[in-house]
Amino acid sequence: MAKKFNLREFQTTLSQQLQAAASRDNSGSRLGFQVGNENWLVSLSDTEEVIPVPTLVRVPGACRWFRGVTNIRGNLYAVSDFSDFMGQGVTPEHSDCRLLIPHHDFGMNAALLVRCTLGLKNISRYQPRSDRVAQHPWAARHYSDEAGADWCDMDFSKLLGDAEFLKVEAQFGTEGY
């Protein structure tokens, strides 16, 4: 018989681990996640939590990358498909997809839809890549891990302050809902 999996317990444990890690000296610790086929990193102190994707309510007249709003513990969050926003195509819906929620100190009820999370990463073991040019203002730094895979460190504050990210209404002649 298959072992039962308690999603709420897993979610609570992960949230507690993120909060505990955020309170430690974690200058080298990042949460890894995948957007499209790219590996990204975000500081634990910039992250409130990571959750499975709940039911989303679409918003008429919004850009395609703006997936809608959702209720998370009594608060409405605006959900953006990070891959589609960056022009890499729509994130296919599957059980590994997650919502990455920025820390409440940013003052925004926003959530990023990402393909999957990749766990905690220690960038002190990674090699900085000065040969990579940032394609987006929120791409802070580039790294290569021990296996040679590329990683991009995200600056949540720059993303959340980006005028294009904040403008979710579809423009005339563009694809929206």
Protein backbone atom coordinates (compact mmCIF):
# COMPACT_ATOMS: atom_id res chain seq x y z
CA MET A 1 0.00 0.00 0.00
CA ALA A 2 1.31 3.44 -0.90
CA LYS A 3 2.32 5.74 1.93
CA LYS A 4 -0.11 8.64 2.40
CA PHE A 5 1.25 12.10 1.69
CA ASN A 6 0.00 14.96 3.83
CA LEU A 7 0.30 18.06 1.64
CA ARG A 8 -0.58 20.49 4.42
CA GLU A 9 2.09 18.99 6.70
CA PHE A 10 4.67 19.16 3.91
CA GLN A 11 3.73 22.77 3.15
CA THR A 12 3.92 23.75 6.83
CA THR A 13 7.31 22.04 7.25
CA LEU A 14 8.71 23.73 4.13
CA SER A 15 7.44 27.12 5.28
CA GLN A 16 9.01 26.61 8.72
CA GLN A 17 12.32 25.57 7.14
CA LEU A 18 12.31 28.66 4.90
CA GLN A 19 11.57 30.93 7.87
CA ALA A 20 14.26 29.27 10.00
CA ALA A 21 16.79 29.50 7.18
CA ALA A 22 15.89 33.14 6.60
CA SER A 23 16.65 33.97 10.25
CA ARG A 24 20.16 32.45 10.05
CA ASP A 25 23.19 33.91 8.33
CA ASN A 26 22.34 32.72 4.88
CA SER A 27 24.23 35.12 2.66
CA GLY A 28 25.22 32.14 0.50
CA SER A 29 21.87 30.33 0.63
CA ARG A 30 19.33 30.73 -2.12
CA LEU A 31 16.14 28.99 -3.10
CA GLY A 32 16.54 27.43 -6.53
CA PHE A 33 13.65 27.29 -8.96
CA GLN A 34 13.11 26.67 -12.64
CA VAL A 35 11.44 29.01 -15.11
CA GLY A 36 11.10 27.54 -18.57
CA ASN A 37 14.43 25.78 -18.98
CA GLU A 38 16.39 28.32 -16.93
CA ASN A 39 17.64 27.91 -13.36
CA TRP A 40 16.99 30.84 -11.05
CA LEU A 41 17.94 31.69 -7.48
CA VAL A 42 16.26 33.97 -4.97
CA SER A 43 17.42 35.06 -1.53
CA LEU A 44 15.62 33.35 1.31
CA SER A 45 15.13 36.68 3.03
CA ASP A 46 13.19 37.89 -0.04
CA THR A 47 10.86 34.88 0.02
CA GLU A 48 7.79 34.48 2.20
CA GLU A 49 6.87 30.98 1.08
CA VAL A 50 6.48 28.53 -1.76
CA ILE A 51 3.14 26.76 -2.23
CA PRO A 52 1.42 24.42 -4.67
CA VAL A 53 -0.71 26.29 -7.18
CA PRO A 54 -4.23 26.85 -5.80
CA THR A 55 -7.29 27.63 -7.91
CA LEU A 56 -6.76 30.77 -9.97
CA VAL A 57 -9.51 33.14 -11.09
CA ARG A 58 -8.75 34.69 -14.46
CA VAL A 59 -9.07 38.44 -14.94
CA PRO A 60 -10.69 39.63 -18.18
CA GLY A 61 -8.62 42.13 -20.16
CA ALA A 62 -5.33 41.12 -18.55
CA CYS A 63 -2.10 40.21 -20.31
CA ARG A 64 -1.66 36.52 -21.06
CA TRP A 65 1.19 36.24 -18.54
CA PHE A 66 -1.06 37.55 -15.76
CA ARG A 67 -2.70 34.27 -14.78
CA GLY A 68 -5.25 35.77 -12.38
CA VAL A 69 -5.85 36.09 -8.67
CA THR A 70 -6.05 33.54 -5.90
CA ASN A 71 -7.03 33.49 -2.25
CA ILE A 72 -4.21 32.42 0.06
CA ARG A 73 -5.31 32.25 3.68
CA GLY A 74 -7.85 35.03 3.24
CA ASN A 75 -5.65 37.37 1.18
CA LEU A 76 -5.89 37.93 -2.57
CA TYR A 77 -2.66 37.49 -4.54
CA ALA A 78 -1.96 38.52 -8.12
CA VAL A 79 -0.39 35.56 -9.95
CA SER A 80 2.03 36.09 -12.83
CA ASP A 81 3.52 33.40 -15.05
CA PHE A 82 7.20 34.35 -14.72
CA SER A 83 8.22 32.40 -17.83
CA ASP A 84 5.55 33.96 -20.02
CA PHE A 85 6.29 37.44 -18.64
CA MET A 86 9.92 37.05 -19.74
CA GLY A 87 8.82 35.93 -23.21
CA GLN A 88 9.72 32.25 -22.76
CA GLY A 89 6.21 30.86 -23.25
CA VAL A 90 3.41 29.77 -20.98
CA THR A 91 4.29 27.54 -18.03
CA PRO A 92 2.46 24.24 -18.58
CA GLU A 93 0.25 23.31 -15.64
CA HIS A 94 1.45 20.22 -13.77
CA SER A 95 1.85 19.00 -10.20
CA ASP A 96 5.44 20.35 -9.86
CA CYS A 97 4.39 23.97 -10.53
CA ARG A 98 4.64 26.28 -7.53
CA LEU A 99 3.81 29.82 -6.51
CA LEU A 100 6.80 31.74 -5.25
CA ILE A 101 5.57 34.44 -2.88
CA PRO A 102 7.82 37.41 -2.11
CA HIS A 103 8.32 38.49 1.47
CA HIS A 104 5.53 40.64 2.90
CA ASP A 105 8.07 43.45 3.48
CA PHE A 106 7.83 44.23 -0.25
CA GLY A 107 4.23 45.32 0.41
CA MET A 108 2.78 43.43 -2.57
CA ASN A 109 0.43 40.51 -2.69
CA ALA A 110 2.10 39.04 -5.74
CA ALA A 111 3.02 35.48 -6.60
CA LEU A 112 5.18 34.07 -9.38
CA LEU A 113 4.16 30.88 -11.12
CA VAL A 114 7.31 28.81 -11.62
CA ARG A 115 7.83 25.43 -13.29
CA CYS A 116 9.25 23.81 -10.14
CA THR A 117 11.44 24.45 -7.13
CA LEU A 118 14.94 22.98 -6.95
CA GLY A 119 15.65 23.26 -3.23
CA LEU A 120 18.17 25.27 -1.26
CA LYS A 121 21.41 26.15 -3.06
CA ASN A 122 24.69 27.37 -1.59
CA ILE A 123 26.11 29.91 -4.05
CA SER A 124 29.41 30.07 -2.19
CA ARG A 125 30.19 26.86 -4.10
CA TYR A 126 29.22 28.42 -7.44
CA GLN A 127 31.48 30.31 -9.83
CA PRO A 128 30.43 33.88 -10.75
CA ARG A 129 29.91 34.35 -14.49
CA SER A 130 30.96 37.82 -15.64
CA ASP A 131 30.65 36.76 -19.29
CA ARG A 132 26.84 36.57 -19.09
CA VAL A 133 24.91 39.73 -19.88
CA ALA A 134 21.73 40.28 -17.89
CA GLN A 135 18.71 40.14 -20.18
CA HIS A 136 16.42 41.61 -17.53
CA PRO A 137 16.92 44.31 -14.88
CA TRP A 138 15.90 41.86 -12.13
CA ALA A 139 18.69 39.42 -13.09
CA ALA A 140 21.24 40.37 -10.44
CA ARG A 141 24.15 37.97 -11.03
CA HIS A 142 24.97 34.85 -13.01
CA TYR A 143 26.68 31.71 -11.71
CA SER A 144 27.77 28.25 -12.80
CA ASP A 145 27.34 25.36 -10.39
CA GLU A 146 29.71 22.43 -9.83
CA ALA A 147 28.20 20.58 -12.82
CA GLY A 148 28.54 23.62 -15.11
CA ALA A 149 24.82 24.50 -15.13
CA ASP A 150 23.95 28.20 -15.38
CA TRP A 151 22.04 29.99 -12.62
CA CYS A 152 20.65 33.52 -12.48
CA ASP A 153 20.20 35.32 -9.15
CA MET A 154 16.92 37.29 -9.03
CA ASP A 155 16.49 40.71 -7.45
CA PHE A 156 12.86 40.55 -6.26
CA SER A 157 12.72 44.29 -5.50
CA LYS A 158 13.65 45.19 -9.10
CA LEU A 159 11.10 42.76 -10.52
CA LEU A 160 8.31 43.99 -8.24
CA GLY A 161 9.16 47.59 -9.10
CA ASP A 162 9.37 47.01 -12.86
CA ALA A 163 6.80 49.12 -14.75
CA GLU A 164 6.06 46.34 -17.25
CA PHE A 165 5.51 43.81 -14.47
CA LEU A 166 3.07 46.15 -12.73
CA LYS A 167 1.10 46.83 -15.93
CA VAL A 168 -1.12 43.77 -16.31
CA GLU A 169 -3.79 45.11 -18.65
CA ALA A 170 -3.62 43.73 -22.18
CA GLN A 171 -2.78 46.25 -24.85
CA PHE A 172 -4.97 46.60 -27.92
CA GLY A 173 -3.99 43.93 -30.43
CA THR A 174 -2.18 41.74 -27.89
CA GLU A 175 -3.32 38.44 -26.55
CA GLY A 176 -5.24 38.60 -23.30
CA TYR A 177 -8.00 36.66 -21.56
